[in-house]
Amino acid sequence: MRGLVRGFVVASLVLLACASDAAACPMCKMALETDDPQPKAYMFSILFMLGMIGSMFGGVATLLVWLTRQERLALEAAGYQHIFENGATEAARDGVGLAKSVATHSAIQ
């Protein structure tokens, strides 16, 4: 897991270092240097479309989190708390590490 995070950080730093080289194509750069409003309109339309994608993903993620919480509350109200309570959850809630929990469990058997 740490290697994956470290790789992501390194890749992000490399991309940021090369950002000035990949800022825009020559035609876009030339169009933005003029006073013509059309290139800026294209830029804003692209940003709007990207924003819509982000808001749609955010909305779906929010809906899924809300549905999961509502389902959990309904199951707990119906008396199904035992579904959410297992050995790993109890060990984490008590502050006991997984290795100690496994050792205790195997000693009991």
Protein backbone atom coordinates (compact mmCIF):
# COMPACT_ATOMS: atom_id res chain seq x y z
CA MET A 1 0.00 0.00 0.00
CA ARG A 2 2.80 2.41 0.88
CA GLY A 3 4.52 1.62 -2.40
CA LEU A 4 1.37 2.51 -4.29
CA VAL A 5 1.01 5.84 -2.48
CA ARG A 6 4.70 6.60 -2.95
CA GLY A 7 4.41 5.81 -6.68
CA PHE A 8 1.38 8.07 -6.99
CA VAL A 9 3.22 10.93 -5.27
CA VAL A 10 6.26 10.51 -7.52
CA ALA A 11 4.09 10.41 -10.65
CA SER A 12 2.23 13.53 -9.51
CA LEU A 13 5.49 15.40 -8.92
CA VAL A 14 6.78 14.41 -12.37
CA LEU A 15 3.55 15.61 -13.97
CA LEU A 16 3.71 18.90 -12.09
CA ALA A 17 7.33 19.41 -13.14
CA CYS A 18 6.37 18.90 -16.80
CA ALA A 19 3.17 20.96 -16.62
CA SER A 20 4.66 24.01 -18.28
CA ASP A 21 5.71 21.92 -21.29
CA ALA A 22 2.23 20.44 -21.68
CA ALA A 23 0.20 23.56 -20.93
CA ALA A 24 -1.57 23.79 -24.30
CA CYS A 25 -1.21 23.04 -27.95
CA PRO A 26 0.35 25.85 -30.05
CA MET A 27 -2.96 26.77 -31.68
CA CYS A 28 -4.74 27.08 -28.34
CA LYS A 29 -1.90 29.17 -26.95
CA MET A 30 -2.00 31.48 -29.96
CA ALA A 31 -5.79 31.75 -29.76
CA LEU A 32 -5.68 32.68 -26.08
CA GLU A 33 -3.14 35.42 -26.76
CA THR A 34 -5.57 37.21 -29.06
CA ASP A 35 -8.58 39.25 -27.95
CA ASP A 36 -11.04 36.89 -29.62
CA PRO A 37 -13.67 35.68 -27.10
CA GLN A 38 -14.31 32.37 -28.89
CA PRO A 39 -11.32 30.41 -27.43
CA LYS A 40 -12.32 31.46 -23.92
CA ALA A 41 -15.87 30.31 -24.63
CA TYR A 42 -14.52 26.89 -25.65
CA MET A 43 -12.43 26.79 -22.48
CA PHE A 44 -15.44 27.55 -20.29
CA SER A 45 -17.59 24.97 -22.08
CA ILE A 46 -14.93 22.30 -21.49
CA LEU A 47 -14.67 23.27 -17.81
CA PHE A 48 -18.47 23.13 -17.52
CA MET A 49 -18.56 19.62 -19.03
CA LEU A 50 -15.80 18.42 -16.69
CA GLY A 51 -17.65 19.97 -13.76
CA MET A 52 -20.83 18.13 -14.71
CA ILE A 53 -18.97 14.80 -14.73
CA GLY A 54 -17.58 15.53 -11.27
CA SER A 55 -20.94 16.60 -9.91
CA MET A 56 -22.63 13.49 -11.32
CA PHE A 57 -20.05 11.19 -9.72
CA GLY A 58 -20.33 13.14 -6.47
CA GLY A 59 -24.12 12.91 -6.54
CA VAL A 60 -24.11 9.16 -7.15
CA ALA A 61 -21.50 8.63 -4.41
CA THR A 62 -23.57 10.72 -1.98
CA LEU A 63 -26.69 8.75 -2.87
CA LEU A 64 -24.92 5.43 -2.28
CA VAL A 65 -23.58 6.54 1.10
CA TRP A 66 -27.03 7.79 2.15
CA LEU A 67 -28.71 4.55 1.01
CA THR A 68 -26.13 2.45 2.87
CA ARG A 69 -26.70 4.40 6.09
CA GLN A 70 -30.48 4.17 5.75
CA GLU A 71 -30.28 0.41 5.15
CA ARG A 72 -28.02 -0.04 8.16
CA LEU A 73 -30.39 1.96 10.38
CA ALA A 74 -33.36 -0.09 9.13
CA LEU A 75 -31.54 -3.38 9.82
CA GLU A 76 -30.51 -2.26 13.31
CA ALA A 77 -34.08 -1.15 14.07
CA ALA A 78 -35.34 -4.58 12.95
CA GLY A 79 -32.96 -6.33 15.36
CA TYR A 80 -30.20 -7.40 12.99
CA GLN A 81 -27.30 -5.74 14.86
CA HIS A 82 -25.41 -9.04 14.91
CA ILE A 83 -24.79 -8.68 11.17
CA PHE A 84 -22.51 -5.71 11.82
CA GLU A 85 -20.81 -7.17 14.90
CA ASN A 86 -18.11 -9.70 14.17
CA GLY A 87 -14.78 -10.60 15.81
CA ALA A 88 -12.70 -8.09 13.89
CA THR A 89 -15.09 -5.26 14.68
CA GLU A 90 -15.19 -6.12 18.39
CA ALA A 91 -11.39 -6.34 18.53
CA ALA A 92 -11.03 -2.96 16.83
CA ARG A 93 -13.63 -1.41 19.12
CA ASP A 94 -11.84 -2.76 22.21
CA GLY A 95 -8.48 -1.49 20.96
CA VAL A 96 -7.04 -4.97 20.64
CA GLY A 97 -4.71 -5.60 17.71
CA LEU A 98 -5.58 -8.28 15.15
CA ALA A 99 -2.60 -10.47 16.09
CA LYS A 100 -3.60 -10.46 19.78
CA SER A 101 -7.23 -11.14 18.86
CA VAL A 102 -6.22 -14.14 16.70
CA ALA A 103 -3.87 -15.45 19.42
CA THR A 104 -6.62 -15.15 22.03
CA HIS A 105 -9.12 -16.87 19.74
CA SER A 106 -6.77 -19.78 18.97
CA ALA A 107 -5.90 -20.13 22.69
CA ILE A 108 -9.59 -20.43 23.53
CA GLN A 109 -10.10 -23.24 21.04
